[in-house]
Protein backbone atom coordinates (compact mmCIF):
# COMPACT_ATOMS: atom_id res chain seq x y z
CA MET A 1 -43.55 -18.25 17.18
CA THR A 2 -42.66 -14.56 17.64
CA VAL A 3 -39.33 -12.84 17.37
CA SER A 4 -38.40 -9.45 18.75
CA THR A 5 -37.54 -7.04 16.00
CA SER A 6 -36.31 -4.22 18.22
CA PRO A 7 -32.99 -2.74 17.08
CA PRO A 8 -30.06 -4.97 18.09
CA ALA A 9 -27.72 -3.74 20.80
CA LYS A 10 -24.71 -1.86 19.46
CA ALA A 11 -21.20 -2.41 20.70
CA GLY A 12 -19.92 0.20 23.15
CA PRO A 13 -16.92 2.37 22.27
CA ALA A 14 -14.40 -0.06 23.76
CA GLY A 15 -16.08 -3.08 22.15
CA LEU A 16 -16.31 -1.38 18.77
CA ARG A 17 -12.62 -0.41 18.89
CA ARG A 18 -11.74 -4.04 19.62
CA ILE A 19 -13.84 -5.21 16.67
CA VAL A 20 -12.25 -2.60 14.40
CA ALA A 21 -8.78 -3.67 15.56
CA ALA A 22 -9.57 -7.33 14.91
CA SER A 23 -10.85 -6.57 11.41
CA LEU A 24 -7.96 -4.23 10.57
CA ILE A 25 -5.23 -6.60 11.77
CA GLY A 26 -6.85 -9.57 10.07
CA THR A 27 -7.25 -7.79 6.75
CA THR A 28 -3.71 -6.40 7.01
CA VAL A 29 -2.33 -9.92 7.34
CA GLU A 30 -4.45 -11.20 4.45
CA TRP A 31 -3.49 -8.32 2.15
CA TYR A 32 0.16 -8.59 3.19
CA ASP A 33 0.10 -12.19 2.02
CA TYR A 34 -1.74 -11.35 -1.18
CA PHE A 35 0.28 -8.27 -2.16
CA LEU A 36 3.55 -9.95 -1.32
CA TYR A 37 2.88 -12.28 -4.21
CA GLY A 38 2.20 -9.39 -6.61
CA SER A 39 5.42 -7.60 -5.65
CA ALA A 40 7.47 -10.78 -5.86
CA ALA A 41 5.88 -11.59 -9.24
CA ALA A 42 7.08 -8.23 -10.56
CA LEU A 43 10.59 -8.53 -9.11
CA VAL A 44 11.72 -12.14 -9.02
CA PHE A 45 9.19 -14.85 -9.93
CA GLY A 46 9.91 -14.55 -13.65
CA LYS A 47 13.55 -15.49 -12.98
CA VAL A 48 12.86 -18.20 -10.38
CA PHE A 49 9.92 -20.00 -11.96
CA PHE A 50 10.13 -19.07 -15.67
CA PRO A 51 13.89 -18.85 -16.34
CA ALA A 52 13.70 -19.95 -19.99
CA SER A 53 11.85 -16.78 -21.01
CA ASP A 54 13.19 -13.34 -21.83
CA PRO A 55 12.72 -10.81 -19.00
CA LEU A 56 9.50 -9.20 -20.30
CA THR A 57 7.91 -12.57 -21.13
CA GLY A 58 8.99 -13.98 -17.78
CA THR A 59 7.34 -11.03 -16.03
CA LEU A 60 4.19 -11.57 -18.12
CA LEU A 61 4.09 -15.27 -17.17
CA SER A 62 4.59 -14.50 -13.49
CA PHE A 63 1.74 -11.96 -13.70
CA MET A 64 -0.42 -14.73 -15.21
CA THR A 65 0.03 -16.82 -12.08
CA TYR A 66 -0.68 -13.63 -10.14
CA ALA A 67 -3.94 -13.14 -12.06
CA ILE A 68 -5.06 -16.71 -11.43
CA GLY A 69 -5.60 -15.81 -7.78
CA PHE A 70 -8.35 -13.42 -8.89
CA VAL A 71 -10.19 -16.24 -10.65
CA ALA A 72 -10.61 -18.01 -7.32
CA ARG A 73 -11.85 -14.91 -5.52
CA PRO A 74 -15.48 -15.04 -6.80
CA LEU A 75 -15.62 -18.72 -5.84
CA GLY A 76 -14.37 -17.82 -2.39
CA ALA A 77 -16.96 -15.04 -2.25
CA LEU A 78 -19.73 -17.53 -3.12
CA VAL A 79 -18.68 -20.15 -0.59
CA PHE A 80 -17.74 -17.83 2.27
CA GLY A 81 -20.70 -15.57 1.53
CA HIS A 82 -23.15 -18.48 1.65
CA TYR A 83 -21.86 -19.84 4.94
CA GLY A 84 -21.20 -16.39 6.36
CA ASP A 85 -24.87 -15.53 5.83
CA ARG A 86 -25.93 -18.82 7.42
CA LEU A 87 -23.37 -19.41 10.19
CA GLY A 88 -22.01 -15.97 10.99
CA ARG A 89 -19.25 -13.57 10.04
CA LYS A 90 -16.71 -14.44 12.74
CA LYS A 91 -16.38 -18.19 12.02
CA LEU A 92 -15.71 -17.67 8.33
CA LEU A 93 -13.19 -14.90 8.97
CA VAL A 94 -11.12 -17.24 11.13
CA VAL A 95 -11.16 -19.88 8.38
CA SER A 96 -10.14 -17.40 5.67
CA LEU A 97 -7.20 -16.10 7.69
CA MET A 98 -5.90 -19.60 8.37
CA MET A 99 -6.19 -20.61 4.69
CA MET A 100 -4.33 -17.52 3.55
CA GLY A 101 -1.53 -18.05 6.05
CA VAL A 102 -0.98 -21.69 5.08
CA ALA A 103 -0.91 -20.82 1.36
CA THR A 104 1.55 -17.94 1.82
CA VAL A 105 4.00 -19.93 3.91
CA GLY A 106 3.70 -22.69 1.30
CA ILE A 107 4.74 -20.27 -1.46
CA GLY A 108 7.86 -19.49 0.53
CA LEU A 109 8.73 -23.20 0.51
CA VAL A 110 8.11 -23.97 -3.20
CA PRO A 111 11.37 -25.11 -4.86
CA SER A 112 12.57 -23.22 -7.94
CA TYR A 113 12.16 -24.31 -11.56
CA ALA A 114 15.84 -25.26 -11.58
CA SER A 115 15.19 -27.76 -8.75
CA ILE A 116 11.94 -29.52 -9.74
CA GLY A 117 11.13 -28.24 -13.22
CA VAL A 118 7.55 -27.59 -14.29
CA ALA A 119 6.21 -28.79 -10.93
CA ALA A 120 7.43 -25.51 -9.43
CA PRO A 121 5.09 -23.16 -11.34
CA ILE A 122 2.26 -25.70 -10.92
CA LEU A 123 2.65 -25.68 -7.13
CA LEU A 124 2.92 -21.90 -7.21
CA THR A 125 -0.35 -21.70 -9.14
CA VAL A 126 -2.22 -24.01 -6.74
CA LEU A 127 -1.12 -21.97 -3.74
CA ARG A 128 -2.03 -18.73 -5.51
CA LEU A 129 -5.52 -20.15 -6.15
CA THR A 130 -5.81 -20.90 -2.43
CA GLN A 131 -4.82 -17.32 -1.62
CA GLY A 132 -7.47 -15.99 -3.97
CA PHE A 133 -10.15 -18.28 -2.55
CA ALA A 134 -9.38 -17.15 0.99
CA LEU A 135 -9.28 -13.44 0.09
CA GLY A 136 -12.58 -13.74 -1.74
CA GLY A 137 -14.22 -14.55 1.58
CA GLU A 138 -12.17 -12.22 3.77
CA TRP A 139 -13.11 -8.76 2.57
CA GLY A 140 -16.89 -8.99 2.91
CA GLY A 141 -16.82 -10.55 6.36
CA ALA A 142 -14.30 -8.07 7.78
CA VAL A 143 -16.14 -4.93 6.70
CA LEU A 144 -19.54 -6.36 7.65
CA LEU A 145 -18.42 -7.26 11.15
CA VAL A 146 -17.63 -3.58 11.74
CA SER A 147 -20.59 -2.17 9.78
CA GLU A 148 -23.10 -4.30 11.65
CA HIS A 149 -21.70 -3.41 15.08
CA GLY A 150 -21.41 0.34 14.55
CA ASP A 151 -24.05 3.07 14.36
CA ALA A 152 -25.31 4.59 11.12
CA ARG A 153 -24.03 8.10 11.89
CA ARG A 154 -20.32 7.12 11.79
CA ARG A 155 -20.47 3.88 9.82
CA GLY A 156 -18.37 5.25 6.99
CA PHE A 157 -15.54 6.12 9.38
CA TRP A 158 -15.53 2.87 11.37
CA ALA A 159 -16.06 0.60 8.36
CA SER A 160 -13.18 2.28 6.52
CA TRP A 161 -10.64 0.96 9.02
CA PRO A 162 -10.69 -2.64 7.67
CA GLN A 163 -10.11 -1.01 4.25
CA GLY A 164 -6.89 0.33 5.73
CA GLY A 165 -5.72 -3.28 5.79
CA ALA A 166 -5.01 -3.07 2.04
CA PRO A 167 -2.45 -0.23 2.13
CA ALA A 168 -1.17 -1.48 5.51
CA GLY A 169 -0.67 -4.96 4.07
CA ASN A 170 0.95 -3.56 0.96
CA LEU A 171 3.10 -1.28 3.11
CA LEU A 172 4.22 -4.23 5.18
CA ALA A 173 4.84 -6.43 2.13
CA VAL A 174 6.85 -3.78 0.30
CA ALA A 175 8.75 -2.88 3.48
CA MET A 176 9.73 -6.52 4.00
CA LEU A 177 10.84 -6.90 0.39
CA SER A 178 12.67 -3.56 0.56
CA LEU A 179 14.48 -4.67 3.70
CA VAL A 180 15.50 -7.97 2.16
CA THR A 181 16.62 -6.45 -1.16
CA SER A 182 18.67 -3.80 0.65
CA THR A 183 20.47 -6.35 2.84
CA THR A 184 21.14 -9.08 0.26
CA SER A 185 22.90 -9.19 -3.08
CA ASP A 186 20.87 -9.68 -6.27
CA GLY A 187 21.99 -13.29 -6.41
CA ALA A 188 21.11 -14.01 -2.79
CA PHE A 189 17.71 -12.33 -3.14
CA GLU A 190 16.90 -14.43 -6.18
CA ALA A 191 18.19 -17.63 -4.57
CA TRP A 192 16.57 -17.43 -1.14
CA GLY A 193 16.03 -13.87 0.11
CA TRP A 194 12.59 -13.45 -1.47
CA ARG A 195 11.32 -16.40 0.61
CA ILE A 196 11.83 -14.66 3.97
CA PRO A 197 8.77 -12.35 3.78
CA PHE A 198 6.55 -15.30 2.81
CA LEU A 199 7.74 -17.45 5.72
CA ALA A 200 7.38 -14.52 8.13
CA SER A 201 3.64 -14.61 7.41
CA ALA A 202 3.27 -17.43 9.95
CA VAL A 203 3.95 -14.99 12.81
CA LEU A 204 1.48 -12.42 11.49
CA VAL A 205 -1.25 -15.03 11.04
CA GLY A 206 -0.79 -16.19 14.64
CA VAL A 207 -1.29 -12.64 15.93
CA GLY A 208 -4.29 -12.09 13.68
CA MET A 209 -5.96 -15.33 14.77
CA TRP A 210 -5.50 -14.52 18.46
CA ILE A 211 -7.17 -11.12 18.06
CA ARG A 212 -9.92 -12.26 15.68
CA LEU A 213 -11.02 -15.09 17.98
CA SER A 214 -11.61 -12.58 20.80
CA VAL A 215 -14.48 -10.61 19.18
CA ASP A 216 -18.21 -11.23 19.29
CA GLU A 217 -20.50 -12.11 16.42
CA SER A 218 -22.52 -9.32 14.79
CA PRO A 219 -25.71 -8.63 16.81
CA LEU A 220 -27.55 -7.64 13.64
CA PHE A 221 -26.72 -11.02 12.11
CA GLN A 222 -27.86 -12.82 15.26
CA GLN A 223 -31.19 -11.02 15.11
CA ALA A 224 -31.61 -11.79 11.38
CA LEU A 225 -30.75 -15.45 12.06
CA ALA A 226 -33.41 -15.65 14.78
CA LYS A 227 -35.98 -14.20 12.39
CA ALA A 228 -35.01 -16.72 9.71
CA GLU A 229 -35.39 -19.59 12.18
CA ALA A 230 -38.86 -18.27 13.06
CA ARG A 231 -39.79 -18.28 9.38
CA ARG A 232 -38.60 -21.83 8.93
CA ALA A 233 -40.67 -22.92 11.92
CA SER A 234 -43.88 -21.26 10.69
CA GLU A 235 -43.45 -21.52 6.91
CA PRO A 236 -40.65 -23.94 5.94
CA ALA A 237 -40.97 -23.11 2.24
CA VAL A 238 -40.27 -19.40 2.77
CA GLU A 239 -36.55 -19.63 3.58
CA ARG A 240 -34.28 -19.67 0.53
CA MET A 241 -30.57 -19.98 0.01
CA PRO A 242 -28.87 -16.57 0.45
CA LEU A 243 -27.56 -16.60 -3.12
CA VAL A 244 -30.99 -17.33 -4.62
CA LYS A 245 -32.59 -14.57 -2.56
CA LEU A 246 -29.77 -12.18 -3.45
CA VAL A 247 -30.02 -12.70 -7.22
CA ARG A 248 -33.81 -12.58 -7.17
CA ASP A 249 -34.21 -9.42 -5.08
CA GLN A 250 -31.00 -7.38 -5.41
CA TRP A 251 -29.36 -8.10 -8.77
CA ARG A 252 -29.25 -4.37 -9.56
CA ASP A 253 -27.21 -3.73 -6.43
CA ILE A 254 -24.76 -6.45 -7.46
CA LEU A 255 -24.24 -4.67 -10.80
CA VAL A 256 -23.74 -1.34 -9.02
CA ALA A 257 -21.09 -2.89 -6.75
CA MET A 258 -19.33 -4.49 -9.71
CA GLY A 259 -19.23 -1.25 -11.67
CA ALA A 260 -18.12 0.81 -8.68
CA ARG A 261 -15.29 -1.63 -8.08
CA LEU A 262 -13.87 -1.54 -11.62
CA ALA A 263 -11.67 1.59 -11.63
CA GLU A 264 -10.72 1.15 -7.97
CA ASN A 265 -9.43 -2.37 -8.61
CA ILE A 266 -7.69 -1.72 -11.94
CA SER A 267 -5.91 1.43 -10.79
CA TYR A 268 -4.68 -0.13 -7.56
CA TYR A 269 -2.99 -3.12 -9.13
CA ILE A 270 -1.37 -1.01 -11.81
CA LEU A 271 -0.12 1.40 -9.13
CA THR A 272 1.22 -1.23 -6.75
CA ALA A 273 2.16 -4.26 -8.88
CA PHE A 274 2.69 -3.22 -12.51
CA ILE A 275 4.55 -0.04 -11.58
CA LEU A 276 7.34 -2.15 -10.07
CA ALA A 277 7.86 -3.98 -13.35
CA TYR A 278 7.45 -0.73 -15.34
CA CYS A 279 10.17 1.03 -13.36
CA VAL A 280 12.62 -1.88 -13.38
CA SER A 281 12.11 -3.27 -16.91
CA HIS A 282 11.06 -0.17 -18.88
CA LEU A 283 12.79 2.69 -17.06
CA ASP A 284 15.86 0.74 -15.86
CA LEU A 285 15.45 2.08 -12.32
CA PRO A 286 16.72 0.13 -9.31
CA GLU A 287 14.18 -2.13 -7.61
CA GLN A 288 14.66 -0.17 -4.38
CA THR A 289 13.55 3.09 -6.02
CA ALA A 290 10.19 1.69 -7.10
CA LEU A 291 9.65 -0.13 -3.81
CA ASN A 292 10.35 3.01 -1.77
CA ALA A 293 7.94 5.11 -3.84
CA VAL A 294 5.13 2.58 -3.27
CA LEU A 295 6.12 2.37 0.39
CA ILE A 296 5.68 6.13 0.92
CA GLY A 297 2.48 6.27 -1.10
CA SER A 298 0.94 3.38 0.86
CA ALA A 299 1.80 5.04 4.18
CA VAL A 300 0.02 8.24 3.11
CA GLN A 301 -2.95 6.26 1.81
CA PHE A 302 -3.32 4.41 5.10
CA CYS A 303 -3.71 7.77 6.88
CA LEU A 304 -6.17 9.09 4.28
CA ILE A 305 -8.59 6.15 4.32
CA PRO A 306 -10.29 6.89 7.68
CA LEU A 307 -10.43 10.58 6.75
CA CYS A 308 -12.21 9.76 3.48
CA GLY A 309 -14.50 7.38 5.37
CA ALA A 310 -15.42 10.14 7.83
CA LEU A 311 -15.98 12.56 4.94
CA SER A 312 -18.46 10.12 3.40
CA ASP A 313 -20.43 10.29 6.66
CA ARG A 314 -20.75 14.06 6.23
CA VAL A 315 -21.31 14.56 2.50
CA GLY A 316 -22.39 11.10 1.33
CA ARG A 317 -20.82 7.97 -0.13
CA LYS A 318 -21.41 8.95 -3.77
CA PRO A 319 -19.67 12.36 -3.86
CA VAL A 320 -16.50 11.02 -2.24
CA TYR A 321 -16.48 7.97 -4.50
CA LEU A 322 -16.96 10.10 -7.62
CA VAL A 323 -14.04 12.36 -6.72
CA GLY A 324 -11.86 9.25 -6.49
CA ALA A 325 -13.04 7.80 -9.81
CA ILE A 326 -12.74 11.02 -11.82
CA GLY A 327 -9.44 11.92 -10.16
CA THR A 328 -7.99 8.49 -10.91
CA GLY A 329 -8.88 8.70 -14.59
CA ALA A 330 -7.35 12.17 -14.92
CA TRP A 331 -4.24 11.66 -12.75
CA THR A 332 -3.07 8.50 -14.55
CA TRP A 333 -1.69 10.69 -17.35
CA ALA A 334 0.35 12.75 -14.91
CA PHE A 335 1.34 9.60 -13.03
CA PHE A 336 3.19 8.05 -15.97
CA ALA A 337 4.64 11.41 -17.03
CA LEU A 338 6.14 11.79 -13.56
CA ALA A 339 7.43 8.21 -13.55
CA ASP A 340 9.08 8.72 -16.94
CA THR A 341 11.27 11.48 -15.51
CA ARG A 342 13.14 8.72 -13.64
CA SER A 343 13.22 11.07 -10.65
CA PHE A 344 12.50 9.49 -7.28
CA PRO A 345 10.65 12.56 -5.88
CA ALA A 346 8.52 12.79 -9.04
CA LEU A 347 7.75 9.07 -8.99
CA THR A 348 6.83 9.24 -5.31
CA LEU A 349 4.54 12.21 -5.94
CA GLY A 350 2.83 10.35 -8.78
CA VAL A 351 2.23 7.21 -6.70
CA THR A 352 1.11 9.14 -3.61
CA VAL A 353 -1.48 11.32 -5.36
CA ALA A 354 -2.78 8.31 -7.31
CA LEU A 355 -3.21 6.33 -4.09
CA ALA A 356 -4.96 9.35 -2.51
CA PHE A 357 -7.58 9.26 -5.28
CA HIS A 358 -7.83 5.51 -4.80
CA ALA A 359 -8.50 6.07 -1.08
CA ALA A 360 -11.47 8.28 -1.98
CA MET A 361 -13.04 5.25 -3.71
CA TYR A 362 -11.84 2.55 -1.36
CA ALA A 363 -12.67 4.18 1.99
CA PRO A 364 -16.45 4.63 1.53
CA GLN A 365 -16.73 1.35 -0.36
CA ALA A 366 -17.05 -0.74 2.82
CA ALA A 367 -20.05 1.15 4.21
CA PHE A 368 -21.51 1.75 0.74
CA PHE A 369 -21.60 -1.93 -0.23
CA SER A 370 -22.78 -2.99 3.25
CA GLU A 371 -25.71 -0.57 3.06
CA LEU A 372 -26.84 -1.88 -0.32
CA PHE A 373 -27.77 -5.37 0.92
CA ALA A 374 -30.05 -6.93 3.55
CA THR A 375 -28.40 -8.72 6.49
CA ARG A 376 -29.26 -12.29 5.44
CA VAL A 377 -27.64 -11.78 2.02
CA ARG A 378 -25.15 -9.02 2.93
CA TYR A 379 -22.04 -11.24 3.14
CA SER A 380 -22.90 -12.83 -0.22
CA GLY A 381 -23.92 -9.56 -1.87
CA ALA A 382 -20.95 -7.45 -0.81
CA SER A 383 -18.45 -10.24 -1.49
CA ILE A 384 -19.84 -11.36 -4.85
CA GLY A 385 -20.32 -7.81 -6.12
CA ALA A 386 -16.74 -6.96 -5.24
CA GLN A 387 -15.06 -10.19 -6.33
CA LEU A 388 -16.87 -10.80 -9.62
CA SER A 389 -15.61 -7.42 -10.73
CA SER A 390 -12.06 -8.37 -9.77
CA ILE A 391 -11.95 -10.96 -12.58
CA ALA A 392 -12.37 -8.23 -15.18
CA ALA A 393 -10.52 -5.57 -13.19
CA GLY A 394 -7.59 -6.39 -10.91
CA ALA A 395 -6.88 -9.85 -12.36
CA PRO A 396 -5.92 -8.83 -15.89
CA ALA A 397 -4.81 -5.27 -15.09
CA PRO A 398 -1.04 -5.96 -14.78
CA LEU A 399 -1.26 -8.41 -17.71
CA ILE A 400 -3.04 -5.89 -19.94
CA ALA A 401 -0.69 -3.09 -18.89
CA THR A 402 2.38 -5.27 -19.57
CA ALA A 403 1.02 -6.36 -22.97
CA LEU A 404 0.17 -2.77 -23.95
CA LEU A 405 3.61 -1.61 -22.94
CA GLY A 406 5.23 -4.40 -24.95
CA ALA A 407 3.13 -3.63 -28.02
CA TYR A 408 3.32 0.19 -28.03
CA HIS A 409 6.39 0.95 -25.87
CA SER A 410 4.39 3.80 -24.37
CA PRO A 411 2.19 4.30 -21.28
CA VAL A 412 -0.46 6.19 -23.29
CA PRO A 413 -2.62 3.09 -24.00
CA ILE A 414 -2.41 2.19 -20.30
CA SER A 415 -3.70 5.64 -19.34
CA LEU A 416 -6.59 5.22 -21.80
CA TYR A 417 -7.36 1.83 -20.25
CA VAL A 418 -7.53 3.26 -16.72
CA GLY A 419 -9.55 6.25 -17.96
CA ALA A 420 -12.16 4.00 -19.56
CA ALA A 421 -12.52 2.06 -16.30
CA ALA A 422 -12.97 5.35 -14.42
CA VAL A 423 -15.86 6.30 -16.72
CA VAL A 424 -17.62 2.98 -16.07
CA THR A 425 -17.19 3.39 -12.32
CA ALA A 426 -18.51 6.95 -12.36
CA VAL A 427 -21.62 5.86 -14.26
CA ALA A 428 -22.24 2.97 -11.83
CA VAL A 429 -21.95 5.27 -8.81
CA LEU A 430 -24.24 7.86 -10.37
CA CYS A 431 -26.84 5.14 -10.96
CA ALA A 432 -26.69 4.00 -7.31
CA ARG A 433 -28.84 5.38 -4.52
CA GLU A 434 -27.19 7.35 -1.73
CA THR A 435 -26.93 5.12 1.35
CA ARG A 436 -25.33 7.43 3.93
CA GLY A 437 -26.99 7.11 7.35
CA VAL A 438 -29.31 4.26 6.38
CA ASP A 439 -30.58 2.03 9.20
CA LEU A 440 -29.45 -1.52 8.36
CA ALA A 441 -32.45 -2.96 10.22
CA ALA A 442 -34.71 -0.87 7.97
CA VAL A 443 -32.91 -2.30 4.93
CA ASP A 444 -33.83 -5.77 6.22
CA ASP A 445 -37.48 -4.84 6.68
CA ALA A 446 -37.71 -3.25 3.24
CA ALA A 447 -36.14 -6.35 1.66
CA GLU A 448 -38.71 -8.72 3.16
CA PRO A 449 -42.00 -9.35 1.33
CA PRO A 450 -45.03 -8.40 3.48
CA ALA A 451 -45.93 -12.04 4.12
CA GLU A 452 -42.47 -12.76 5.53
CA GLN A 453 -42.56 -9.64 7.68
CA GLU A 454 -45.89 -10.74 9.15
CA ALA A 455 -44.54 -14.24 9.89
CA THR A 456 -41.73 -12.85 12.02
CA ARG A 457 -43.38 -9.80 13.57
CA GLY A 458 -42.98 -9.71 17.35
CA THR A 459 -44.68 -7.73 20.03
CA GLU A 460 -42.35 -4.75 19.58
CA PRO A 461 -42.64 -2.48 16.55
CA SER A 462 -40.11 -2.82 13.75
CA PRO A 463 -38.12 0.13 12.46
CA PRO A 464 -39.87 1.72 9.49
CA GLY A 465 -38.94 0.26 6.10
CA ARG A 466 -37.15 2.25 3.45
CA ALA A 467 -38.31 2.53 -0.13
CA ARG A 468 -36.03 0.70 -2.49
């Protein structure tokens, strides 16, 4: 049996824009749901679900339920990655969006501790685990769907748009909470107002599902699937599970992705989740002040992400990523100094510049991670590399920052913590190969042992392999 290995057809401009829109809207909805929890954990969950604790301990406990969602993300990456590499990107993206929507609406319906006692935080935890599981499978599929449709020359730009779903989702979540807090009293917000943004997720999920169902499957995946079926027909023992093949052949790339993710993940959750608790509990600033600063910073970051993605197409993924990592480690000191002035303009400047450095890491990350892995393990590789790191990075970041603040009553240890993560990320990126402009079909050919290439070689020549 022979299989054509000519380059798969690329989506035209209109088709690619539709795919980018579907990925961006879907990731925006997912991140809205996920970040909404983090913001609510900082502002109100300690009072609603842990009322017996003092304010700082209540915030710490609510951040613990927040962190639990990260524990489920690698499991989601494993499951969604496995089936995404076997069944396709589109099917799994639809499932992840539906799971996230159901969990978020469920959080909005959980009774308070005063109503049902300890069952309330237990239900909250289960739904947070569901959110984490769904998000673990969302990110990889969304960026791959764009990366595998687009051309190598502008992959960094197009693949960065799904990354814009993170600041867009955070922007939407903070805007909704800001609207509710500004139109309700403190008592009303604590009693029922915080539930409105969670319940509103149902509308956003419906829109996201409608758009996501309208796009086509990745042509590169379809070609790789046909080649795998040819291998199974000629040599049944050759085909392996995606995870086994990934760990055997590309474990170094998994480590690179994990290291590159560390500072990006830690800094983001300190900037967008912990900073709300820091401003309210430590600086005695109004909730609205902190929310508005994050709101402005997220809006600027959303605009910067495609620009940073396009820059990575011109100068390379590594230089842009390194600027973000080094800048993040250095700016954290200025960030807390500006916040400590208790001035809204200074706080907004600190958040905005910090999120700009984060964009320099986050924007090229989509294309960078996609280009590290072969098509038949790409969903697993990109997802697992990103989500395993989140356990050590984003999950404990607000917890560690809160504990350090409680122990030392100073942001200096927190700045050292972020700086150490930035060093690890810079080293990981320096150890990686530059992937800008790589032909994803050539990555597939280079990843196949010669015997497997021969088993699937068709009548048309394959693109030349690339040394790994």
